[in-house]
Amino acid sequence: MDRPVVRAAVIVLLALAGDVAPAVAADGGHPDIDKMKAEYRRPPARPVENAALVELGRDLFFDPVISASGKTACATCHRPERGWSSNEPRSPGDSGRPTQRKTQTLLGIGHARPPFDWDGRHATLEAQAVSSIGTGSMSMFATPNEVKVDDIVARLRANERYVAKFRQAMPGAPINLDTLVIALAAFERSIEPGQAPFDRWVAGDETAIPEAAKRGFVLFHTEAACSGCHIGWRFTDDAFHDVGTTTTDPGRGRELKGNTKMQFAFKTPTLRSVALRAPYLHNGSAATLRDVVDLYVKGGIDRPSRSPMINPFDLTEDERNDLVAFMQTLTGEGEAK
């Protein structure tokens, strides 16, 4: 199979964006490798404007007090040691029922472009938290033991430690659902990916990652065209794409019913610490990173909504393994436990 031919649509799109470079050298090097690496240099961490607010949000994030049952915390699904995600296709919610989709990571979420969630249903992180606590995974919605949000707020108002923390973080503000989610979102925006071996390589340490990973990075940015969606230091364009994995979940199409291109489209996830977050995709249908690579090589379901970046092409076994080796270099320090 002639790979330049089968990847023509992708290469044209990347050429328009100025991303195509000469062919990969036999040794895995590339004449434009420095230019490629420069596109993935990390910016400074987001400044923390209100440390007391972030500290309050951190306490609430790890405390099951804000769930209906008092047994489930945000961190039950967004686990730091799992890249602020989980290893379940669908995590159990507070009611015992599984969530609708795979838990998304919160790594670098403060740098993300809204809207949020796999389907973009929430305009802000605060709105997402309101939904989760009120009717989502933190609630016991539609169960015999349903607990109201007012009951959760009452617990916080009765807790002297939280009363003091709210007063310090937001002087004069009441303790209610609005201030609760403001604190949660402030903490979530402070979750920065740890420095990864890839970052050290980009900064000039040629020993930071193996040669297979270097070859994988070149493939990622050129022939495999992964960078068409997974671009920038967070490895995401924050956009929605149909990669051809489902026929039942409309994804972004649920919100934009009249938009053909958004049917079965889901938000591009960051690849930061992706090796910690198996299984993959919005429904956890890919067990390993190699399965994801194989899916994209195959091309997914051919339909009008399928992203133009998703076309069948050919990669050798070694090339597929090199792509996986590259993605394994994106795990930040201190994130794997």
Protein backbone atom coordinates (compact mmCIF):
# COMPACT_ATOMS: atom_id res chain seq x y z
CA MET A 1 0.00 0.00 0.00
CA ASP A 2 1.33 3.44 -0.95
CA ARG A 3 1.07 5.45 2.28
CA PRO A 4 1.47 8.90 0.69
CA VAL A 5 -1.60 8.12 -1.43
CA VAL A 6 -3.86 6.73 1.29
CA ARG A 7 -2.96 9.62 3.59
CA ALA A 8 -3.44 12.31 0.93
CA ALA A 9 -6.42 13.99 2.60
CA VAL A 10 -4.60 14.28 5.91
CA ILE A 11 -1.36 15.52 4.39
CA VAL A 12 -3.19 18.22 2.44
CA LEU A 13 -4.85 19.46 5.61
CA LEU A 14 -1.55 19.52 7.47
CA ALA A 15 0.17 21.26 4.57
CA LEU A 16 -2.41 24.03 4.73
CA ALA A 17 -1.50 24.45 8.39
CA GLY A 18 2.22 24.45 7.59
CA ASP A 19 2.86 21.23 9.52
CA VAL A 20 4.22 18.90 6.86
CA ALA A 21 7.96 18.33 6.76
CA PRO A 22 10.26 16.10 4.69
CA ALA A 23 10.19 12.34 4.97
CA VAL A 24 11.54 10.56 8.04
CA ALA A 25 15.19 9.65 7.81
CA ALA A 26 16.25 6.02 8.09
CA ASP A 27 17.72 6.55 11.56
CA GLY A 28 14.48 8.01 12.93
CA GLY A 29 15.80 11.57 12.83
CA HIS A 30 14.19 14.40 10.91
CA PRO A 31 15.57 17.60 9.39
CA ASP A 32 12.81 19.67 11.03
CA ILE A 33 12.84 17.93 14.42
CA ASP A 34 13.70 21.13 16.31
CA LYS A 35 10.76 22.96 14.73
CA MET A 36 8.45 20.10 15.66
CA LYS A 37 9.66 19.99 19.24
CA ALA A 38 9.20 23.74 19.61
CA GLU A 39 5.44 23.32 19.08
CA TYR A 40 5.25 21.26 22.28
CA ARG A 41 7.22 23.43 24.70
CA ARG A 42 5.35 23.95 27.95
CA PRO A 43 4.20 27.41 28.99
CA PRO A 44 4.53 28.57 32.61
CA ALA A 45 2.00 27.16 35.06
CA ARG A 46 -1.14 29.21 35.51
CA PRO A 47 -0.72 31.70 38.35
CA VAL A 48 -2.69 31.02 41.53
CA GLU A 49 -4.57 34.21 42.35
CA ASN A 50 -6.27 33.00 45.54
CA ALA A 51 -4.31 30.27 47.32
CA ALA A 52 -6.94 29.96 50.06
CA LEU A 53 -9.63 29.33 47.44
CA VAL A 54 -7.55 26.63 45.74
CA GLU A 55 -6.84 25.00 49.12
CA LEU A 56 -10.56 25.00 49.94
CA GLY A 57 -11.32 23.49 46.55
CA ARG A 58 -8.69 20.79 47.09
CA ASP A 59 -10.24 19.85 50.42
CA LEU A 60 -13.70 19.65 48.87
CA PHE A 61 -12.42 17.66 45.88
CA PHE A 62 -11.08 14.89 48.10
CA ASP A 63 -13.91 14.97 50.65
CA PRO A 64 -16.98 12.71 50.17
CA VAL A 65 -19.00 15.21 52.21
CA ILE A 66 -20.13 16.86 48.97
CA SER A 67 -21.70 13.69 47.57
CA ALA A 68 -25.24 12.66 48.33
CA SER A 69 -24.24 9.49 50.18
CA GLY A 70 -21.26 11.08 51.90
CA LYS A 71 -19.15 8.22 50.52
CA THR A 72 -18.08 9.44 47.07
CA ALA A 73 -15.56 12.21 46.41
CA CYS A 74 -14.61 13.87 43.13
CA ALA A 75 -11.30 12.04 43.54
CA THR A 76 -13.12 8.70 43.55
CA CYS A 77 -13.23 8.93 39.76
CA HIS A 78 -10.58 11.61 39.09
CA ARG A 79 -7.69 9.81 40.75
CA PRO A 80 -4.30 11.60 40.82
CA GLU A 81 -2.37 8.34 40.49
CA ARG A 82 -4.36 7.51 37.35
CA GLY A 83 -3.65 10.77 35.58
CA TRP A 84 -6.65 12.41 37.31
CA SER A 85 -8.92 9.91 35.58
CA SER A 86 -9.77 6.26 36.25
CA ASN A 87 -9.11 2.78 34.89
CA GLU A 88 -12.75 1.89 34.37
CA PRO A 89 -14.73 2.19 31.12
CA ARG A 90 -17.51 3.70 33.22
CA SER A 91 -16.95 4.57 36.85
CA PRO A 92 -19.66 3.81 39.42
CA GLY A 93 -21.50 6.96 40.48
CA ASP A 94 -22.67 7.79 43.97
CA SER A 95 -25.95 5.99 43.31
CA GLY A 96 -24.09 2.81 42.35
CA ARG A 97 -25.02 3.20 38.73
CA PRO A 98 -22.20 3.48 36.17
CA THR A 99 -21.47 6.85 34.65
CA GLN A 100 -22.46 7.43 31.05
CA ARG A 101 -18.91 7.65 29.71
CA LYS A 102 -15.27 7.16 30.65
CA THR A 103 -14.01 9.63 33.26
CA GLN A 104 -12.08 12.45 31.60
CA THR A 105 -8.74 13.60 32.94
CA LEU A 106 -8.39 16.97 34.68
CA LEU A 107 -4.72 17.37 33.80
CA GLY A 108 -4.12 20.86 32.46
CA ILE A 109 -7.83 21.64 32.45
CA GLY A 110 -7.11 25.23 33.47
CA HIS A 111 -5.49 25.76 30.07
CA ALA A 112 -8.35 24.16 28.13
CA ARG A 113 -10.73 25.95 25.80
CA PRO A 114 -14.43 25.53 26.67
CA PRO A 115 -16.92 23.96 26.38
CA PHE A 116 -16.18 20.99 28.64
CA ASP A 117 -17.09 17.29 28.83
CA TRP A 118 -16.89 14.73 26.06
CA ASP A 119 -19.89 16.32 24.38
CA GLY A 120 -19.31 19.95 25.35
CA ARG A 121 -22.49 20.18 27.36
CA HIS A 122 -21.03 22.56 29.95
CA ALA A 123 -19.74 26.06 29.21
CA THR A 124 -17.62 26.26 32.39
CA LEU A 125 -16.01 24.01 34.98
CA GLU A 126 -18.37 25.53 37.55
CA ALA A 127 -21.38 24.44 35.48
CA GLN A 128 -19.94 20.94 35.21
CA ALA A 129 -19.55 20.73 38.99
CA VAL A 130 -23.12 21.94 39.55
CA SER A 131 -24.38 19.21 37.24
CA SER A 132 -22.28 16.49 38.87
CA ILE A 133 -23.39 17.36 42.40
CA GLY A 134 -27.01 18.03 41.51
CA THR A 135 -27.95 15.24 39.12
CA GLY A 136 -24.76 13.51 38.03
CA SER A 137 -22.13 11.16 39.36
CA MET A 138 -21.95 12.77 42.82
CA SER A 139 -25.71 12.60 43.33
CA MET A 140 -28.16 9.82 44.13
CA PHE A 141 -30.53 11.23 41.56
CA ALA A 142 -33.66 9.18 40.93
CA THR A 143 -32.93 6.70 43.72
CA PRO A 144 -35.04 5.98 46.80
CA ASN A 145 -32.34 7.61 48.94
CA GLU A 146 -32.19 10.84 46.99
CA VAL A 147 -30.40 13.60 48.89
CA LYS A 148 -30.95 17.23 47.95
CA VAL A 149 -28.16 19.72 47.26
CA ASP A 150 -29.45 21.78 50.18
CA ASP A 151 -28.63 18.85 52.46
CA ILE A 152 -25.04 18.82 51.22
CA VAL A 153 -24.70 22.57 51.72
CA ALA A 154 -26.12 22.19 55.26
CA ARG A 155 -23.33 19.73 56.08
CA LEU A 156 -20.72 22.31 55.11
CA ARG A 157 -22.41 25.08 57.09
CA ALA A 158 -22.40 22.83 60.15
CA ASN A 159 -18.69 22.07 59.80
CA GLU A 160 -16.61 24.66 61.69
CA ARG A 161 -13.47 23.87 59.72
CA TYR A 162 -15.21 24.49 56.40
CA VAL A 163 -16.94 27.61 57.71
CA ALA A 164 -13.50 29.04 58.55
CA LYS A 165 -12.04 28.01 55.19
CA PHE A 166 -14.92 29.54 53.20
CA ARG A 167 -14.56 32.75 55.22
CA GLN A 168 -10.85 32.93 54.48
CA ALA A 169 -11.21 32.09 50.77
CA MET A 170 -14.29 34.22 50.03
CA PRO A 171 -14.79 36.78 52.81
CA GLY A 172 -18.42 37.78 53.19
CA ALA A 173 -19.74 35.21 50.71
CA PRO A 174 -22.36 32.68 51.80
CA ILE A 175 -21.76 28.94 51.81
CA ASN A 176 -23.97 27.67 49.03
CA LEU A 177 -23.77 25.66 45.83
CA ASP A 178 -22.38 28.61 43.88
CA THR A 179 -19.44 29.20 46.22
CA LEU A 180 -18.87 25.46 46.56
CA VAL A 181 -18.36 25.01 42.81
CA ILE A 182 -16.27 28.19 42.54
CA ALA A 183 -13.81 26.61 44.97
CA LEU A 184 -13.85 23.24 43.21
CA ALA A 185 -13.21 24.83 39.82
CA ALA A 186 -10.37 26.95 41.23
CA PHE A 187 -8.63 23.80 42.42
CA GLU A 188 -9.25 21.96 39.15
CA ARG A 189 -7.68 24.81 37.20
CA SER A 190 -4.56 24.46 39.35
CA ILE A 191 -3.96 20.82 38.31
CA GLU A 192 -0.87 21.07 36.13
CA PRO A 193 0.70 18.05 34.40
CA GLY A 194 3.96 17.02 35.99
CA GLN A 195 7.22 17.34 34.07
CA ALA A 196 7.49 14.33 31.78
CA PRO A 197 10.51 12.69 30.10
CA PHE A 198 9.19 14.17 26.85
CA ASP A 199 9.46 17.68 28.33
CA ARG A 200 13.09 17.06 29.25
CA TRP A 201 13.77 15.87 25.72
CA VAL A 202 12.13 18.96 24.24
CA ALA A 203 14.28 21.06 26.58
CA GLY A 204 17.44 19.48 25.15
CA ASP A 205 18.14 16.27 27.10
CA GLU A 206 18.64 13.70 24.34
CA THR A 207 18.89 10.88 26.90
CA ALA A 208 15.44 11.58 28.40
CA ILE A 209 13.50 9.28 26.07
CA PRO A 210 14.44 6.18 24.06
CA GLU A 211 15.13 6.21 20.34
CA ALA A 212 11.86 4.38 19.65
CA ALA A 213 9.95 7.23 21.28
CA LYS A 214 11.83 9.81 19.19
CA ARG A 215 10.85 7.94 16.04
CA GLY A 216 7.31 7.73 17.34
CA PHE A 217 7.19 11.49 17.87
CA VAL A 218 8.24 12.09 14.26
CA LEU A 219 5.54 9.67 13.05
CA PHE A 220 3.03 11.36 15.36
CA HIS A 221 3.76 14.72 13.76
CA THR A 222 4.09 13.58 10.14
CA GLU A 223 2.97 10.33 8.56
CA ALA A 224 0.52 9.21 11.24
CA ALA A 225 -0.87 12.77 11.37
CA CYS A 226 -1.86 12.47 15.05
CA SER A 227 -0.87 16.10 15.55
CA GLY A 228 -3.79 17.13 13.38
CA CYS A 229 -5.89 16.89 16.57
CA HIS A 230 -3.38 16.25 19.37
CA ILE A 231 -1.42 19.47 18.94
CA GLY A 232 0.41 21.74 21.37
CA TRP A 233 1.96 21.02 24.75
CA ARG A 234 -1.30 19.48 26.09
CA PHE A 235 -1.66 17.39 22.93
CA THR A 236 -5.21 18.49 22.16
CA ASP A 237 -6.94 21.00 19.90
CA ASP A 238 -9.85 21.19 22.38
CA ALA A 239 -12.16 20.48 19.44
CA PHE A 240 -14.71 17.75 18.69
CA HIS A 241 -14.12 14.96 16.18
CA ASP A 242 -15.84 11.78 15.08
CA VAL A 243 -13.10 9.13 15.02
CA GLY A 244 -15.51 6.39 14.02
CA THR A 245 -15.84 4.38 17.24
CA THR A 246 -19.55 4.29 18.07
CA THR A 247 -22.99 4.05 16.49
CA THR A 248 -25.05 4.63 19.64
CA ASP A 249 -23.65 7.70 21.43
CA PRO A 250 -24.09 10.90 19.36
CA GLY A 251 -21.57 12.80 21.48
CA ARG A 252 -21.46 16.48 20.51
CA GLY A 253 -24.36 15.71 18.18
CA ARG A 254 -26.61 15.46 21.22
CA GLU A 255 -26.01 19.17 21.80
CA LEU A 256 -25.84 20.18 18.13
CA LYS A 257 -28.48 17.96 16.57
CA GLY A 258 -28.59 19.80 13.24
CA ASN A 259 -24.83 19.71 12.65
CA THR A 260 -23.91 16.68 10.55
CA LYS A 261 -20.20 16.96 11.28
CA MET A 262 -20.77 16.88 15.04
CA GLN A 263 -22.64 13.59 15.11
CA PHE A 264 -20.63 10.98 17.07
CA ALA A 265 -17.98 13.64 17.74
CA PHE A 266 -16.16 13.83 21.07
CA LYS A 267 -13.70 16.30 22.53
CA THR A 268 -10.06 15.51 21.83
CA PRO A 269 -8.51 14.35 25.12
CA THR A 270 -5.10 15.49 26.23
CA LEU A 271 -2.40 12.83 25.95
CA ARG A 272 -0.60 14.00 29.07
CA SER A 273 -0.06 10.92 31.31
CA VAL A 274 -2.18 8.93 28.87
CA ALA A 275 -0.33 5.70 29.72
CA LEU A 276 -1.93 5.79 33.19
CA ARG A 277 -5.50 6.05 31.95
CA ALA A 278 -6.40 2.80 30.19
CA PRO A 279 -8.91 1.90 28.84
CA TYR A 280 -9.28 4.59 26.20
CA LEU A 281 -11.80 6.59 24.16
CA HIS A 282 -15.05 8.05 25.46
CA ASN A 283 -16.50 4.59 26.08
CA GLY A 284 -13.36 2.78 27.23
CA SER A 285 -13.60 0.48 24.22
CA ALA A 286 -9.84 0.42 23.52
CA ALA A 287 -8.01 -1.57 26.17
CA THR A 288 -4.48 -0.39 25.34
CA LEU A 289 -2.64 2.40 23.57
CA ARG A 290 -1.72 -0.11 20.87
CA ASP A 291 -5.44 -0.76 20.36
CA VAL A 292 -5.97 2.96 19.84
CA VAL A 293 -3.18 3.11 17.26
CA ASP A 294 -4.62 0.10 15.45
CA LEU A 295 -8.06 1.70 15.41
CA TYR A 296 -6.75 4.88 13.81
CA VAL A 297 -4.71 2.92 11.25
CA LYS A 298 -7.87 1.05 10.31
CA GLY A 299 -9.71 4.33 9.96
CA GLY A 300 -12.87 3.94 12.02
CA ILE A 301 -16.44 3.91 10.71
CA ASP A 302 -16.78 5.64 7.34
CA ARG A 303 -19.69 8.11 7.48
CA PRO A 304 -20.41 11.79 6.74
CA SER A 305 -19.44 12.90 10.25
CA ARG A 306 -16.07 11.13 10.33
CA SER A 307 -13.18 13.54 10.77
CA PRO A 308 -11.07 14.09 7.62
CA MET A 309 -8.09 13.25 9.82
CA ILE A 310 -9.33 9.67 10.20
CA ASN A 311 -8.51 7.74 7.04
CA PRO A 312 -7.20 4.18 6.63
CA PHE A 313 -3.44 4.08 6.16
CA ASP A 314 -0.52 1.75 6.74
CA LEU A 315 2.04 1.48 9.51
CA THR A 316 4.45 -1.34 10.16
CA GLU A 317 4.50 -3.21 13.45
CA ASP A 318 7.64 -1.35 14.49
CA GLU A 319 6.08 2.01 13.64
CA ARG A 320 2.98 1.26 15.67
CA ASN A 321 5.14 0.27 18.61
CA ASP A 322 7.18 3.46 18.20
CA LEU A 323 4.00 5.55 18.50
CA VAL A 324 3.13 3.76 21.72
CA ALA A 325 6.67 4.25 23.02
CA PHE A 326 6.34 7.98 22.39
CA MET A 327 3.02 8.27 24.24
CA GLN A 328 4.54 6.46 27.20
CA THR A 329 7.02 9.35 27.61
CA LEU A 330 4.20 11.79 28.45
CA THR A 331 3.66 10.64 32.04
CA GLY A 332 4.46 13.45 34.46
CA GLU A 333 6.68 13.11 37.50
CA GLY A 334 4.75 12.16 40.63
CA GLU A 335 1.60 11.13 38.76
CA ALA A 336 2.15 7.37 38.77
CA LYS A 337 1.76 5.71 42.16
